[in-house]
């Protein structure tokens, strides 16, 4: 079978043209993913920034640089030694949250913006913490974070970056200072425990004293009410007895006899050292004596 040289040339030419067309199409079409941006250079000069989606370029004239991530990025830098105002070396670990807002500036204004952010963070951190003593550095994290964010955001703005947040993950003082702080914290905890124990004992004693006072008050009130009730009962009994006596219209001899019956009861108490004998008793005794004497004289006369 013979091949025509002209036909073979035409076939090879068509294949080359097809390959060229495919290459041109592949170089002309660019698909940018979401949250990314592409910087296009035309003949070596910045031309435009491609947005996410399908984009058309001029083949062999336009060139797209590597895609730039537009999402918020989190970068943790290794611990950095920082000297405080009181000449103590502390190790500070930082985390930066930043985002690329201008792909063109991030591409052309700085060669490596990650390295630039790291070095700028270290120098800014040393300037901020260098004006604080150790205690202020340990207790002023929010203040340090705010100062770092403001300085970094202002400095990285020309790079097309926005610093959203800066966090200090750890501030580690020297080992000797850590031991001293631990001893101080232990002593503070012991002091608080002693204070709490003393407060508890004090409250317990106060409650016990209050309970004893309330008990004594209630007991005294009960005794007073009982005495009042007994006095009222005795007064009522005396009124009843006197009423009965007066209703019976007794003679002096009967009253004297009742007095004599009451005398032994008056002597029953241990504290009764003095008796008061009413005048009615003496008059009644005189009456009884006259009665007996009168009766005896009559019998003798008989």
Protein backbone atom coordinates (compact mmCIF):
# COMPACT_ATOMS: atom_id res chain seq x y z
CA UNK A 1 0.00 0.00 0.00
CA UNK A 2 1.46 3.33 -1.09
CA UNK A 3 1.13 6.56 0.92
CA UNK A 4 0.83 9.88 -0.78
CA UNK A 5 3.45 12.29 0.66
CA UNK A 6 1.11 15.25 0.26
CA UNK A 7 -1.64 13.51 2.16
CA UNK A 8 0.74 12.59 4.94
CA UNK A 9 1.90 16.20 5.19
CA UNK A 10 -1.65 17.46 5.39
CA UNK A 11 -2.50 14.89 8.05
CA UNK A 12 0.54 15.85 10.15
CA UNK A 13 -0.28 19.52 9.74
CA UNK A 14 -3.84 18.96 10.93
CA UNK A 15 -2.59 17.08 13.96
CA UNK A 16 -0.19 19.90 14.83
CA UNK A 17 -2.92 22.48 14.38
CA UNK A 18 -5.27 20.46 16.62
CA UNK A 19 -2.62 20.16 19.29
CA UNK A 20 -1.92 23.87 19.03
CA UNK A 21 -5.60 24.69 19.36
CA UNK A 22 -5.90 22.47 22.42
CA UNK A 23 -2.85 24.11 24.01
CA UNK A 24 -4.21 27.57 23.22
CA UNK A 25 -7.57 26.71 24.75
CA UNK A 26 -5.94 25.26 27.85
CA UNK A 27 -3.77 28.35 28.27
CA UNK A 28 -6.64 30.72 27.63
CA UNK A 29 -9.07 29.20 30.12
CA UNK A 30 -8.38 29.62 33.83
CA UNK A 31 -10.68 28.46 36.61
CA UNK A 32 -10.10 30.13 39.96
CA UNK A 33 -11.51 28.30 43.03
CA UNK A 34 -13.66 30.05 45.59
CA UNK A 35 -11.76 32.06 48.28
CA UNK A 36 -8.74 32.39 45.99
CA UNK A 37 -7.52 35.14 43.69
CA UNK A 38 -5.15 35.05 40.70
CA UNK A 39 -2.78 37.80 39.62
CA UNK A 40 -2.36 38.08 35.82
CA UNK A 41 0.71 39.61 34.18
CA UNK A 42 0.65 40.71 30.56
CA UNK A 43 4.09 40.76 29.01
CA UNK A 44 5.62 40.87 32.47
CA UNK A 45 3.50 43.74 33.84
CA UNK A 46 0.58 43.50 36.22
CA UNK A 47 -2.64 43.33 34.22
CA UNK A 48 -5.54 42.31 36.48
CA UNK A 49 -6.67 40.15 39.37
CA UNK A 50 -8.83 37.15 38.52
CA UNK A 51 -11.91 36.52 40.64
CA UNK A 52 -13.25 33.03 41.51
CA UNK A 53 -14.86 31.30 38.54
CA UNK A 54 -14.13 30.94 34.81
CA UNK A 55 -11.68 33.46 33.33
CA UNK A 56 -10.27 33.93 29.82
CA UNK A 57 -6.66 34.92 29.18
CA UNK A 58 -4.72 35.77 26.05
CA UNK A 59 -2.51 32.76 25.40
CA UNK A 60 1.28 33.28 25.36
CA UNK A 61 0.79 36.92 26.35
CA UNK A 62 -0.93 36.70 29.72
CA UNK A 63 0.58 34.71 32.56
CA UNK A 64 -1.10 33.94 35.87
CA UNK A 65 0.99 33.83 39.01
CA UNK A 66 0.30 31.27 41.78
CA UNK A 67 -3.09 31.64 43.41
CA UNK A 68 -3.38 33.71 46.57
CA UNK A 69 -5.44 32.34 49.46
CA UNK A 70 -7.94 35.01 50.55
CA UNK A 71 -9.22 33.13 53.62
CA UNK A 72 -8.30 34.00 57.19
CA UNK A 73 -5.08 32.30 58.13
CA UNK A 74 -3.80 31.26 61.53
CA UNK A 75 -0.06 31.28 62.07
CA UNK A 76 1.60 30.17 65.31
CA UNK A 77 5.14 31.41 65.80
CA UNK A 78 7.69 29.59 67.98
CA UNK A 79 8.31 31.00 71.49
CA UNK A 80 10.40 34.14 71.51
CA UNK A 81 12.63 35.35 74.39
CA UNK A 82 11.62 38.84 75.50
CA UNK A 83 13.25 41.01 78.18
CA UNK A 84 10.83 42.81 80.48
CA UNK A 85 11.32 46.20 82.09
CA UNK A 86 12.68 44.58 85.28
CA UNK A 87 15.35 42.69 83.25
CA UNK A 88 13.71 39.27 83.33
CA UNK A 89 13.70 37.04 80.26
CA UNK A 90 10.30 35.56 79.49
CA UNK A 91 9.36 33.20 76.67
CA UNK A 92 6.23 34.29 74.79
CA UNK A 93 4.32 32.15 72.30
CA UNK A 94 2.04 34.09 69.92
CA UNK A 95 -0.71 33.29 67.42
CA UNK A 96 -1.66 35.66 64.57
CA UNK A 97 -5.01 35.66 62.76
CA UNK A 98 -4.71 37.57 59.48
CA UNK A 99 -6.29 37.72 56.05
CA UNK A 100 -5.14 38.80 52.60
CA UNK A 101 -7.37 41.60 51.35
CA UNK A 102 -5.37 42.70 48.26
CA UNK A 103 -3.82 39.93 46.20
CA UNK A 104 -1.82 42.42 44.08
CA UNK A 105 -0.16 44.05 47.11
CA UNK A 106 0.50 40.67 48.74
CA UNK A 107 2.24 39.58 45.53
CA UNK A 108 4.29 42.65 44.64
CA UNK A 109 4.78 44.64 47.85
CA UNK A 110 6.61 41.90 49.77
CA UNK A 111 8.43 38.77 48.70
CA UNK A 112 7.14 36.56 51.56
CA UNK A 113 4.38 38.06 53.67
CA UNK A 114 4.39 35.16 56.17
CA UNK A 115 8.04 35.74 57.03
CA UNK A 116 7.37 39.49 57.15
CA UNK A 117 4.47 39.04 59.58
CA UNK A 118 6.58 36.79 61.79
CA UNK A 119 9.50 39.20 62.04
CA UNK A 120 7.24 42.18 62.54
CA UNK A 121 5.40 40.33 65.32
CA UNK A 122 8.64 39.50 67.12
CA UNK A 123 9.95 43.07 67.03
CA UNK A 124 6.60 44.59 68.04
CA UNK A 125 6.22 42.09 70.87
CA UNK A 126 9.64 42.99 72.25
CA UNK A 127 8.84 46.69 72.09
CA UNK A 128 5.49 46.29 73.87
CA UNK A 129 6.57 43.82 76.56
CA UNK A 130 9.88 45.63 77.08
CA UNK A 131 7.95 48.51 78.65
CA UNK A 132 6.21 46.29 81.19
CA UNK A 133 7.45 44.50 84.28
CA UNK A 134 6.84 40.80 84.83
CA UNK A 135 3.66 41.22 86.85
CA UNK A 136 2.15 43.60 84.30
CA UNK A 137 3.11 41.27 81.45
CA UNK A 138 1.41 38.33 83.16
CA UNK A 139 -1.77 40.22 84.02
CA UNK A 140 -2.14 42.46 80.94
CA UNK A 141 -2.57 39.98 78.12
CA UNK A 142 -5.60 41.73 76.66
CA UNK A 143 -3.73 45.03 76.64
CA UNK A 144 -0.70 43.45 74.95
CA UNK A 145 -2.92 41.70 72.40
CA UNK A 146 -4.65 44.96 71.55
CA UNK A 147 -1.40 46.89 71.11
CA UNK A 148 0.10 44.15 68.93
CA UNK A 149 -2.98 44.00 66.71
CA UNK A 150 -3.06 47.75 66.14
CA UNK A 151 0.65 47.98 65.29
CA UNK A 152 0.64 44.88 63.06
CA UNK A 153 -2.54 45.88 61.24
CA UNK A 154 -1.14 49.31 60.49
CA UNK A 155 2.24 47.97 59.34
CA UNK A 156 0.86 45.15 57.17
CA UNK A 157 -1.81 47.27 55.50
CA UNK A 158 0.54 48.20 52.64
CA UNK A 159 1.17 44.48 52.07
CA UNK A 160 -2.51 43.89 51.42
CA UNK A 161 -3.03 42.13 54.77
CA UNK A 162 -5.46 42.71 57.63
CA UNK A 163 -4.55 41.47 61.10
CA UNK A 164 -7.80 40.44 62.79
CA UNK A 165 -6.50 39.19 66.11
CA UNK A 166 -3.33 38.51 68.06
CA UNK A 167 -3.26 36.06 70.97
CA UNK A 168 -0.53 35.26 73.47
CA UNK A 169 -0.71 31.51 73.99
CA UNK A 170 1.80 31.38 76.82
CA UNK A 171 4.09 33.63 78.84
CA UNK A 172 6.71 31.54 80.60
CA UNK A 173 8.93 33.33 83.16
CA UNK A 174 12.33 31.89 84.21
CA UNK A 175 12.37 28.68 86.26
CA UNK A 176 13.53 30.47 89.41
CA UNK A 177 10.69 32.97 89.12
CA UNK A 178 8.22 30.14 88.53
CA UNK A 179 9.37 28.45 91.74
CA UNK A 180 9.01 31.70 93.69
CA UNK A 181 5.55 32.29 92.23
CA UNK A 182 4.49 28.76 93.10
CA UNK A 183 5.66 29.21 96.71
CA UNK A 184 3.84 32.54 96.90
CA UNK A 185 0.65 30.99 95.54
CA UNK A 186 0.92 28.11 98.00
CA UNK A 187 1.39 30.54 100.89
CA UNK A 188 -1.59 32.57 99.67
CA UNK A 189 -3.76 29.45 99.50
CA UNK A 190 -2.69 28.44 103.02
CA UNK A 191 -3.48 31.94 104.30
CA UNK A 192 -6.91 31.85 102.73
CA UNK A 193 -7.55 28.42 104.21
CA UNK A 194 -6.63 29.68 107.69
CA UNK A 195 -8.86 32.72 107.25
CA UNK A 196 -11.77 30.59 106.09
CA UNK A 197 -11.29 28.20 109.01
CA UNK A 198 -11.19 31.10 111.48
CA UNK A 199 -14.29 32.63 109.90
CA UNK A 200 -16.09 29.30 110.16
CA UNK A 201 -15.13 28.91 113.83
CA UNK A 202 -16.22 32.48 114.53
CA UNK A 203 -19.57 31.97 112.83
CA UNK A 204 -20.07 28.70 114.72
CA UNK A 205 -19.36 30.36 118.07
CA UNK A 206 -21.65 33.26 117.20
CA UNK A 207 -24.45 30.87 116.28
CA UNK A 208 -23.93 28.85 119.46
CA UNK A 209 -23.97 32.00 121.61
CA UNK A 210 -27.05 33.25 119.83
CA UNK A 211 -28.75 29.92 120.36
CA UNK A 212 -27.85 29.91 124.07
CA UNK A 213 -29.12 33.49 124.42
CA UNK A 214 -32.38 32.68 122.70
CA UNK A 215 -32.75 29.57 124.85
CA UNK A 216 -32.13 31.57 128.07
CA UNK A 217 -34.61 34.22 126.97
CA UNK A 218 -37.27 31.65 126.18
CA UNK A 219 -36.63 29.83 129.47
CA UNK A 220 -36.84 33.09 131.46
CA UNK A 221 -40.01 34.04 129.64
CA UNK A 222 -41.44 30.59 130.39
CA UNK A 223 -40.51 30.83 134.07
CA UNK A 224 -41.99 34.32 134.30
CA UNK A 225 -45.23 33.20 132.70
CA UNK A 226 -45.32 30.15 135.00
CA UNK A 227 -44.84 32.34 138.08
CA UNK A 228 -47.53 34.72 136.88
CA UNK A 229 -49.89 31.83 136.30
CA UNK A 230 -49.09 30.36 139.75
CA UNK A 231 -49.57 33.75 141.44
CA UNK A 232 -52.86 34.23 139.62
CA UNK A 233 -53.97 30.74 140.65
CA UNK A 234 -52.98 31.34 144.28
CA UNK A 235 -54.72 34.73 144.27
CA UNK A 236 -57.83 33.13 142.87
CA UNK A 237 -57.64 30.38 145.47
CA UNK A 238 -57.24 32.94 148.28
CA UNK A 239 -60.21 34.90 146.96
CA UNK A 240 -62.29 31.75 146.89
CA UNK A 241 -61.26 30.75 150.42
CA UNK A 242 -61.90 34.22 151.80
CA UNK A 243 -65.24 34.36 150.06
CA UNK A 244 -66.21 31.01 151.56
CA UNK A 245 -65.03 32.08 155.00
CA UNK A 246 -66.92 35.35 154.90
CA UNK A 247 -69.99 33.61 153.57
CA UNK A 248 -69.89 31.23 156.55
CA UNK A 249 -69.57 34.09 159.08
CA UNK A 250 -67.01 32.28 161.32
CA UNK A 251 -66.47 33.23 164.95
CA UNK A 252 -63.01 34.17 166.36
CA UNK A 253 -62.50 30.72 167.87
CA UNK A 254 -62.78 29.06 164.42
CA UNK A 255 -60.34 31.54 162.86
CA UNK A 256 -57.85 30.94 165.66
CA UNK A 257 -58.11 27.22 165.10
CA UNK A 258 -57.45 27.63 161.36
CA UNK A 259 -54.41 29.81 162.09
CA UNK A 260 -53.04 27.14 164.37
CA UNK A 261 -53.51 24.55 161.61
CA UNK A 262 -51.60 26.76 159.16
CA UNK A 263 -48.58 27.44 161.38
CA UNK A 264 -46.85 24.05 160.74
CA UNK A 265 -47.12 24.63 156.97
CA UNK A 266 -45.44 28.01 157.33
CA UNK A 267 -42.49 26.30 159.05
CA UNK A 268 -41.93 23.79 156.24
CA UNK A 269 -39.71 26.11 154.11
CA UNK A 270 -35.96 26.15 154.84
CA UNK A 271 -35.76 29.91 154.32
CA UNK A 272 -38.55 30.75 156.75
CA UNK A 273 -36.59 32.15 159.64
CA UNK A 274 -39.11 34.77 160.86
CA UNK A 275 -42.84 34.41 161.30
CA UNK A 276 -45.27 37.28 161.29
CA UNK A 277 -48.30 36.53 163.45
CA UNK A 278 -51.30 38.66 162.60
CA UNK A 279 -53.06 40.59 165.35
CA UNK A 280 -56.24 38.69 164.61
CA UNK A 281 -54.50 35.51 165.74
CA UNK A 282 -53.61 36.99 169.13
CA UNK A 283 -57.14 38.26 169.60
CA UNK A 284 -58.51 34.85 168.64
CA UNK A 285 -56.14 33.12 171.05
CA UNK A 286 -57.30 35.46 173.81
CA UNK A 287 -60.86 34.54 173.01
CA UNK A 288 -60.06 30.85 173.12
CA UNK A 289 -58.21 31.28 176.43
CA UNK A 290 -61.06 33.24 178.00
CA UNK A 291 -63.46 30.58 176.86
CA UNK A 292 -61.47 27.82 178.40
CA UNK A 293 -60.76 29.78 181.60
CA UNK A 294 -64.35 30.85 181.91
CA UNK A 295 -65.57 27.34 181.50
CA UNK A 296 -63.06 26.03 184.09
CA UNK A 297 -64.04 28.65 186.71
CA UNK A 298 -67.70 27.75 186.44
CA UNK A 299 -66.94 24.11 186.90
CA UNK A 300 -64.79 24.84 189.99
CA UNK A 301 -67.53 26.96 191.51
CA UNK A 302 -69.97 24.17 191.01
